[in-house]
PDB file of N, CA and C in Angstrom:
ATOM      1  N   UNK A   1      15.925  23.234  24.407  1.00  0.00           N
ATOM      2  CA  UNK A   1      15.435  21.878  24.381  1.00  0.00           C
ATOM      3  C   UNK A   1      16.145  21.105  25.491  1.00  0.00           C
ATOM      4  N   UNK A   2      15.358  20.398  26.267  1.00  0.00           N
ATOM      5  CA  UNK A   2      15.939  19.635  27.371  1.00  0.00           C
ATOM      6  C   UNK A   2      16.491  18.322  26.847  1.00  0.00           C
ATOM      7  N   UNK A   3      17.301  17.710  27.691  1.00  0.00           N
ATOM      8  CA  UNK A   3      17.856  16.393  27.328  1.00  0.00           C
ATOM      9  C   UNK A   3      16.741  15.368  27.156  1.00  0.00           C
ATOM     10  N   UNK A   4      15.713  15.496  27.982  1.00  0.00           N
ATOM     11  CA  UNK A   4      14.579  14.563  27.899  1.00  0.00           C
ATOM     12  C   UNK A   4      13.845  14.712  26.563  1.00  0.00           C
ATOM     13  N   UNK A   5      13.651  15.943  26.133  1.00  0.00           N
ATOM     14  CA  UNK A   5      12.985  16.197  24.855  1.00  0.00           C
ATOM     15  C   UNK A   5      13.838  15.692  23.691  1.00  0.00           C
ATOM     16  N   UNK A   6      15.125  15.928  23.755  1.00  0.00           N
ATOM     17  CA  UNK A   6      16.033  15.466  22.701  1.00  0.00           C
ATOM     18  C   UNK A   6      16.025  13.943  22.630  1.00  0.00           C
ATOM     19  N   UNK A   7      16.020  13.284  23.784  1.00  0.00           N
ATOM     20  CA  UNK A   7      15.994  11.826  23.814  1.00  0.00           C
ATOM     21  C   UNK A   7      14.682  11.295  23.228  1.00  0.00           C
ATOM     22  N   UNK A   8      13.575  11.959  23.540  1.00  0.00           N
ATOM     23  CA  UNK A   8      12.273  11.564  23.013  1.00  0.00           C
ATOM     24  C   UNK A   8      12.233  11.731  21.492  1.00  0.00           C
ATOM     25  N   UNK A   9      12.747  12.841  20.991  1.00  0.00           N
ATOM     26  CA  UNK A   9      12.778  13.072  19.539  1.00  0.00           C
ATOM     27  C   UNK A   9      13.656  12.025  18.852  1.00  0.00           C
ATOM     28  N   UNK A  10      14.794  11.706  19.438  1.00  0.00           N
ATOM     29  CA  UNK A  10      15.677  10.684  18.877  1.00  0.00           C
ATOM     30  C   UNK A  10      14.987   9.321  18.865  1.00  0.00           C
ATOM     31  N   UNK A  11      14.303   8.986  19.948  1.00  0.00           N
ATOM     32  CA  UNK A  11      13.595   7.707  20.019  1.00  0.00           C
ATOM     33  C   UNK A  11      12.493   7.636  18.961  1.00  0.00           C
ATOM     34  N   UNK A  12      11.748   8.720  18.793  1.00  0.00           N
ATOM     35  CA  UNK A  12      10.688   8.756  17.780  1.00  0.00           C
ATOM     36  C   UNK A  12      11.259   8.667  16.368  1.00  0.00           C
ATOM     37  N   UNK A  13      12.365   9.347  16.127  1.00  0.00           N
ATOM     38  CA  UNK A  13      12.996   9.294  14.805  1.00  0.00           C
ATOM     39  C   UNK A  13      13.493   7.882  14.504  1.00  0.00           C
ATOM     40  N   UNK A  14      14.064   7.233  15.518  1.00  0.00           N
ATOM     41  CA  UNK A  14      14.545   5.856  15.347  1.00  0.00           C
ATOM     42  C   UNK A  14      13.386   4.913  15.053  1.00  0.00           C
ATOM     43  N   UNK A  15      12.315   5.039  15.822  1.00  0.00           N
ATOM     44  CA  UNK A  15      11.140   4.189  15.609  1.00  0.00           C
ATOM     45  C   UNK A  15      10.534   4.443  14.223  1.00  0.00           C
ATOM     46  N   UNK A  16      10.483   5.697  13.815  1.00  0.00           N
ATOM     47  CA  UNK A  16       9.963   6.050  12.503  1.00  0.00           C
ATOM     48  C   UNK A  16      10.790   5.394  11.392  1.00  0.00           C
ATOM     49  N   UNK A  17      12.105   5.444  11.534  1.00  0.00           N
ATOM     50  CA  UNK A  17      12.988   4.831  10.531  1.00  0.00           C
ATOM     51  C   UNK A  17      12.779   3.317  10.476  1.00  0.00           C
ATOM     52  N   UNK A  18      12.630   2.694  11.644  1.00  0.00           N
ATOM     53  CA  UNK A  18      12.395   1.246  11.695  1.00  0.00           C
ATOM     54  C   UNK A  18      11.057   0.885  11.050  1.00  0.00           C
ATOM     55  N   UNK A  19      10.032   1.681  11.313  1.00  0.00           N
ATOM     56  CA  UNK A  19       8.720   1.423  10.728  1.00  0.00           C
ATOM     57  C   UNK A  19       8.741   1.613   9.210  1.00  0.00           C
ATOM     58  N   UNK A  20       9.470   2.620   8.760  1.00  0.00           N
ATOM     59  CA  UNK A  20       9.585   2.835   7.308  1.00  0.00           C
ATOM     60  C   UNK A  20      10.289   1.659   6.632  1.00  0.00           C
ATOM     61  N   UNK A  21      11.325   1.130   7.284  1.00  0.00           N
ATOM     62  CA  UNK A  21      12.043  -0.031   6.735  1.00  0.00           C
ATOM     63  C   UNK A  21      11.128  -1.255   6.701  1.00  0.00           C
ATOM     64  N   UNK A  22      10.343  -1.454   7.757  1.00  0.00           N
ATOM     65  CA  UNK A  22       9.411  -2.586   7.802  1.00  0.00           C
ATOM     66  C   UNK A  22       8.339  -2.442   6.722  1.00  0.00           C
ATOM     67  N   UNK A  23       7.853  -1.229   6.522  1.00  0.00           N
ATOM     68  CA  UNK A  23       6.858  -0.972   5.484  1.00  0.00           C
ATOM     69  C   UNK A  23       7.424  -1.262   4.096  1.00  0.00           C
ATOM     70  N   UNK A  24       8.641  -0.827   3.841  1.00  0.00           N
ATOM     71  CA  UNK A  24       9.273  -1.068   2.539  1.00  0.00           C
ATOM     72  C   UNK A  24       9.418  -2.569   2.294  1.00  0.00           C
ATOM     73  N   UNK A  25       9.796  -3.327   3.309  1.00  0.00           N
ATOM     74  CA  UNK A  25       9.933  -4.774   3.178  1.00  0.00           C
ATOM     75  C   UNK A  25       8.573  -5.425   2.909  1.00  0.00           C
ATOM     76  N   UNK A  26       7.552  -4.975   3.626  1.00  0.00           N
ATOM     77  CA  UNK A  26       6.206  -5.518   3.425  1.00  0.00           C
ATOM     78  C   UNK A  26       5.700  -5.211   2.015  1.00  0.00           C
ATOM     79  N   UNK A  27       5.976  -4.013   1.525  1.00  0.00           N
ATOM     80  CA  UNK A  27       5.555  -3.645   0.173  1.00  0.00           C
ATOM     81  C   UNK A  27       6.263  -4.509  -0.872  1.00  0.00           C
ATOM     82  N   UNK A  28       7.529  -4.781  -0.656  1.00  0.00           N
ATOM     83  CA  UNK A  28       8.282  -5.626  -1.573  1.00  0.00           C
ATOM     84  C   UNK A  28       7.702  -7.041  -1.597  1.00  0.00           C
ATOM     85  N   UNK A  29       7.385  -7.567  -0.417  1.00  0.00           N
ATOM     86  CA  UNK A  29       6.782  -8.902  -0.354  1.00  0.00           C
ATOM     87  C   UNK A  29       5.418  -8.926  -1.028  1.00  0.00           C
ATOM     88  N   UNK A  30       4.671  -7.864  -0.871  1.00  0.00           N
ATOM     89  CA  UNK A  30       3.350  -7.770  -1.492  1.00  0.00           C
ATOM     90  C   UNK A  30       3.462  -7.777  -3.013  1.00  0.00           C
ATOM     91  N   UNK A  31       4.416  -7.060  -3.550  1.00  0.00           N
ATOM     92  CA  UNK A  31       4.617  -7.028  -5.001  1.00  0.00           C
ATOM     93  C   UNK A  31       5.020  -8.420  -5.492  1.00  0.00           C
ATOM     94  N   UNK A  32       5.928  -9.083  -4.787  1.00  0.00           N
ATOM     95  CA  UNK A  32       6.352 -10.431  -5.169  1.00  0.00           C
ATOM     96  C   UNK A  32       5.169 -11.396  -5.135  1.00  0.00           C
ATOM     97  N   UNK A  33       4.323 -11.274  -4.115  1.00  0.00           N
ATOM     98  CA  UNK A  33       3.151 -12.138  -4.003  1.00  0.00           C
ATOM     99  C   UNK A  33       2.177 -11.885  -5.149  1.00  0.00           C
ATOM    100  N   UNK A  34       1.993 -10.634  -5.513  1.00  0.00           N
ATOM    101  CA  UNK A  34       1.097 -10.299  -6.622  1.00  0.00           C
ATOM    102  C   UNK A  34       1.622 -10.879  -7.937  1.00  0.00           C
ATOM    103  N   UNK A  35       2.921 -10.813  -8.144  1.00  0.00           N
ATOM    104  CA  UNK A  35       3.516 -11.384  -9.357  1.00  0.00           C
ATOM    105  C   UNK A  35       3.308 -12.892  -9.373  1.00  0.00           C
ATOM    106  N   UNK A  36       3.570 -13.550  -8.246  1.00  0.00           N
ATOM    107  CA  UNK A  36       3.373 -15.000  -8.153  1.00  0.00           C
ATOM    108  C   UNK A  36       1.913 -15.367  -8.406  1.00  0.00           C
ATOM    109  N   UNK A  37       0.996 -14.602  -7.847  1.00  0.00           N
ATOM    110  CA  UNK A  37      -0.431 -14.872  -8.034  1.00  0.00           C
ATOM    111  C   UNK A  37      -0.816 -14.727  -9.501  1.00  0.00           C
ATOM    112  N   UNK A  38      -0.284 -13.724 -10.169  1.00  0.00           N
ATOM    113  CA  UNK A  38      -0.560 -13.540 -11.593  1.00  0.00           C
ATOM    114  C   UNK A  38      -0.049 -14.710 -12.423  1.00  0.00           C
ATOM    115  N   UNK A  39       1.141 -15.191 -12.096  1.00  0.00           N
ATOM    116  CA  UNK A  39       1.705 -16.339 -12.808  1.00  0.00           C
ATOM    117  C   UNK A  39       0.871 -17.589 -12.559  1.00  0.00           C
ATOM    118  N   UNK A  40       0.434 -17.783 -11.322  1.00  0.00           N
ATOM    119  CA  UNK A  40      -0.399 -18.951 -11.010  1.00  0.00           C
ATOM    120  C   UNK A  40      -1.743 -18.869 -11.713  1.00  0.00           C
ATOM    121  N   UNK A  41      -2.314 -17.680 -11.776  1.00  0.00           N
ATOM    122  CA  UNK A  41      -3.588 -17.504 -12.456  1.00  0.00           C
ATOM    123  C   UNK A  41      -3.443 -17.867 -13.939  1.00  0.00           C
ATOM    124  N   UNK A  42      -2.371 -17.419 -14.556  1.00  0.00           N
ATOM    125  CA  UNK A  42      -2.134 -17.735 -15.964  1.00  0.00           C
ATOM    126  C   UNK A  42      -1.975 -19.240 -16.159  1.00  0.00           C
ATOM    127  N   UNK A  43      -1.283 -19.892 -15.232  1.00  0.00           N
ATOM    128  CA  UNK A  43      -1.088 -21.350 -15.330  1.00  0.00           C
ATOM    129  C   UNK A  43      -2.410 -22.087 -15.172  1.00  0.00           C
ATOM    130  N   UNK A  44      -3.248 -21.631 -14.252  1.00  0.00           N
ATOM    131  CA  UNK A  44      -4.563 -22.251 -14.067  1.00  0.00           C
ATOM    132  C   UNK A  44      -5.384 -22.121 -15.344  1.00  0.00           C
ATOM    133  N   UNK A  45      -5.342 -20.975 -15.975  1.00  0.00           N
ATOM    134  CA  UNK A  45      -6.072 -20.786 -17.233  1.00  0.00           C
ATOM    135  C   UNK A  45      -5.544 -21.726 -18.312  1.00  0.00           C
ATOM    136  N   UNK A  46      -4.226 -21.914 -18.371  1.00  0.00           N
ATOM    137  CA  UNK A  46      -3.645 -22.851 -19.332  1.00  0.00           C
ATOM    138  C   UNK A  46      -4.138 -24.267 -19.067  1.00  0.00           C
ATOM    139  N   UNK A  47      -4.147 -24.669 -17.804  1.00  0.00           N
ATOM    140  CA  UNK A  47      -4.592 -26.007 -17.445  1.00  0.00           C
ATOM    141  C   UNK A  47      -6.074 -26.203 -17.741  1.00  0.00           C
ATOM    142  N   UNK A  48      -6.878 -25.166 -17.494  1.00  0.00           N
ATOM    143  CA  UNK A  48      -8.308 -25.267 -17.802  1.00  0.00           C
ATOM    144  C   UNK A  48      -8.522 -25.435 -19.304  1.00  0.00           C
ATOM    145  N   UNK A  49      -7.773 -24.710 -20.104  1.00  0.00           N
ATOM    146  CA  UNK A  49      -7.885 -24.833 -21.559  1.00  0.00           C
ATOM    147  C   UNK A  49      -7.453 -26.222 -22.010  1.00  0.00           C
ATOM    148  N   UNK A  50      -6.379 -26.729 -21.418  1.00  0.00           N
ATOM    149  CA  UNK A  50      -5.893 -28.064 -21.752  1.00  0.00           C
ATOM    150  C   UNK A  50      -6.931 -29.120 -21.372  1.00  0.00           C
ATOM    151  N   UNK A  51      -7.526 -28.987 -20.212  1.00  0.00           N
ATOM    152  CA  UNK A  51      -8.553 -29.932 -19.775  1.00  0.00           C
ATOM    153  C   UNK A  51      -9.762 -29.886 -20.702  1.00  0.00           C
ATOM    154  N   UNK A  52     -10.184 -28.691 -21.069  1.00  0.00           N
ATOM    155  CA  UNK A  52     -11.323 -28.549 -21.979  1.00  0.00           C
ATOM    156  C   UNK A  52     -11.025 -29.240 -23.303  1.00  0.00           C
ATOM    157  N   UNK A  53      -9.827 -29.029 -23.826  1.00  0.00           N
ATOM    158  CA  UNK A  53      -9.435 -29.663 -25.084  1.00  0.00           C
ATOM    159  C   UNK A  53      -9.472 -31.179 -24.949  1.00  0.00           C
ATOM    160  N   UNK A  54      -8.941 -31.704 -23.850  1.00  0.00           N
ATOM    161  CA  UNK A  54      -8.920 -33.155 -23.644  1.00  0.00           C
ATOM    162  C   UNK A  54     -10.337 -33.714 -23.523  1.00  0.00           C
ATOM    163  N   UNK A  55     -11.218 -32.987 -22.841  1.00  0.00           N
ATOM    164  CA  UNK A  55     -12.594 -33.461 -22.705  1.00  0.00           C
ATOM    165  C   UNK A  55     -13.312 -33.462 -24.054  1.00  0.00           C
ATOM    166  N   UNK A  56     -13.055 -32.458 -24.879  1.00  0.00           N
ATOM    167  CA  UNK A  56     -13.651 -32.424 -26.217  1.00  0.00           C
ATOM    168  C   UNK A  56     -13.128 -33.588 -27.044  1.00  0.00           C
ATOM    169  N   UNK A  57     -11.824 -33.819 -26.996  1.00  0.00           N
ATOM    170  CA  UNK A  57     -11.234 -34.933 -27.747  1.00  0.00           C
ATOM    171  C   UNK A  57     -11.814 -36.266 -27.288  1.00  0.00           C
ATOM    172  N   UNK A  58     -11.981 -36.421 -25.973  1.00  0.00           N
ATOM    173  CA  UNK A  58     -12.553 -37.656 -25.422  1.00  0.00           C
ATOM    174  C   UNK A  58     -13.993 -37.822 -25.888  1.00  0.00           C
ATOM    175  N   UNK A  59     -14.759 -36.742 -25.863  1.00  0.00           N
ATOM    176  CA  UNK A  59     -16.150 -36.809 -26.307  1.00  0.00           C
ATOM    177  C   UNK A  59     -16.229 -37.188 -27.773  1.00  0.00           C
ATOM    178  N   UNK A  60     -15.365 -36.615 -28.585  1.00  0.00           N
ATOM    179  CA  UNK A  60     -15.347 -36.951 -30.013  1.00  0.00           C
ATOM    180  C   UNK A  60     -15.000 -38.418 -30.220  1.00  0.00           C
ATOM    181  N   UNK A  61     -14.027 -38.915 -29.469  1.00  0.00           N
ATOM    182  CA  UNK A  61     -13.640 -40.322 -29.583  1.00  0.00           C
ATOM    183  C   UNK A  61     -14.791 -41.230 -29.168  1.00  0.00           C
ATOM    184  N   UNK A  62     -15.500 -40.873 -28.129  1.00  0.00           N
ATOM    185  CA  UNK A  62     -16.636 -41.681 -27.681  1.00  0.00           C
ATOM    186  C   UNK A  62     -17.743 -41.685 -28.720  1.00  0.00           C
ATOM    187  N   UNK A  63     -17.960 -40.538 -29.338  1.00  0.00           N
ATOM    188  CA  UNK A  63     -18.991 -40.459 -30.375  1.00  0.00           C
ATOM    189  C   UNK A  63     -18.604 -41.294 -31.589  1.00  0.00           C
ATOM    190  N   UNK A  64     -17.334 -41.345 -31.911  1.00  0.00           N
ATOM    191  CA  UNK A  64     -16.879 -42.082 -33.085  1.00  0.00           C
ATOM    192  C   UNK A  64     -17.040 -43.587 -32.913  1.00  0.00           C
ATOM    193  N   UNK A  65     -16.800 -44.105 -31.705  1.00  0.00           N
ATOM    194  CA  UNK A  65     -16.921 -45.558 -31.518  1.00  0.00           C
ATOM    195  C   UNK A  65     -18.256 -45.946 -30.884  1.00  0.00           C
ATOM    196  N   UNK A  66     -19.165 -45.001 -30.811  1.00  0.00           N
ATOM    197  CA  UNK A  66     -20.490 -45.288 -30.280  1.00  0.00           C
ATOM    198  C   UNK A  66     -20.507 -45.549 -28.783  1.00  0.00           C
ATOM    199  N   UNK A  67     -19.456 -45.204 -28.103  1.00  0.00           N
ATOM    200  CA  UNK A  67     -19.406 -45.378 -26.656  1.00  0.00           C
ATOM    201  C   UNK A  67     -19.055 -46.788 -26.213  1.00  0.00           C
ATOM    202  N   UNK A  68     -18.628 -47.643 -27.156  1.00  0.00           N
ATOM    203  CA  UNK A  68     -18.325 -49.040 -26.818  1.00  0.00           C
ATOM    204  C   UNK A  68     -17.182 -49.161 -25.814  1.00  0.00           C
ATOM    205  N   UNK A  69     -16.187 -48.318 -25.944  1.00  0.00           N
ATOM    206  CA  UNK A  69     -15.010 -48.391 -25.075  1.00  0.00           C
ATOM    207  C   UNK A  69     -15.002 -47.269 -24.041  1.00  0.00           C
ATOM    208  N   UNK A  70     -16.163 -46.767 -23.732  1.00  0.00           N
ATOM    209  CA  UNK A  70     -16.259 -45.621 -22.826  1.00  0.00           C
ATOM    210  C   UNK A  70     -15.984 -46.013 -21.389  1.00  0.00           C
ATOM    211  N   UNK A  71     -15.311 -45.140 -20.719  1.00  0.00           N
ATOM    212  CA  UNK A  71     -15.142 -45.229 -19.262  1.00  0.00           C
ATOM    213  C   UNK A  71     -15.795 -43.962 -18.716  1.00  0.00           C
ATOM    214  N   UNK A  72     -16.935 -44.124 -18.122  1.00  0.00           N
ATOM    215  CA  UNK A  72     -17.716 -42.968 -17.676  1.00  0.00           C
ATOM    216  C   UNK A  72     -17.317 -42.590 -16.261  1.00  0.00           C
ATOM    217  N   UNK A  73     -17.101 -41.337 -16.057  1.00  0.00           N
ATOM    218  CA  UNK A  73     -16.713 -40.811 -14.755  1.00  0.00           C
ATOM    219  C   UNK A  73     -17.787 -39.832 -14.307  1.00  0.00           C
ATOM    220  N   UNK A  74     -18.280 -40.016 -13.099  1.00  0.00           N
ATOM    221  CA  UNK A  74     -19.283 -39.112 -12.552  1.00  0.00           C
ATOM    222  C   UNK A  74     -18.582 -37.919 -11.921  1.00  0.00           C
ATOM    223  N   UNK A  75     -18.732 -36.765 -12.533  1.00  0.00           N
ATOM    224  CA  UNK A  75     -18.069 -35.559 -12.023  1.00  0.00           C
ATOM    225  C   UNK A  75     -19.016 -34.701 -11.177  1.00  0.00           C
ATOM    226  N   UNK A  76     -20.236 -35.182 -10.962  1.00  0.00           N
ATOM    227  CA  UNK A  76     -21.210 -34.387 -10.229  1.00  0.00           C
ATOM    228  C   UNK A  76     -21.114 -34.589  -8.722  1.00  0.00           C
ATOM    229  N   UNK A  77     -20.427 -35.645  -8.310  1.00  0.00           N
ATOM    230  CA  UNK A  77     -20.296 -35.915  -6.884  1.00  0.00           C
ATOM    231  C   UNK A  77     -21.474 -36.680  -6.309  1.00  0.00           C
ATOM    232  N   UNK A  78     -22.437 -37.045  -7.140  1.00  0.00           N
ATOM    233  CA  UNK A  78     -23.585 -37.809  -6.619  1.00  0.00           C
ATOM    234  C   UNK A  78     -23.538 -39.247  -7.059  1.00  0.00           C
TER     235      UNK A  78
END
């Protein structure tokens, strides 16, 4: 094996090790991001349930007083 070949093999091995380290770091970040996304998804579902409950309670209150104290909000955007 020539010195040139040995140097090339060493350079490739070094680059391979660096790429493996970068891949491991990227995989770790990906797992952390997936965990964060799962937690956010669960929180969004909690908030949607809370909003639904509040809207039902508001509707019941409006029905009970005949809409006299209603504050109507247009949620359709029109």
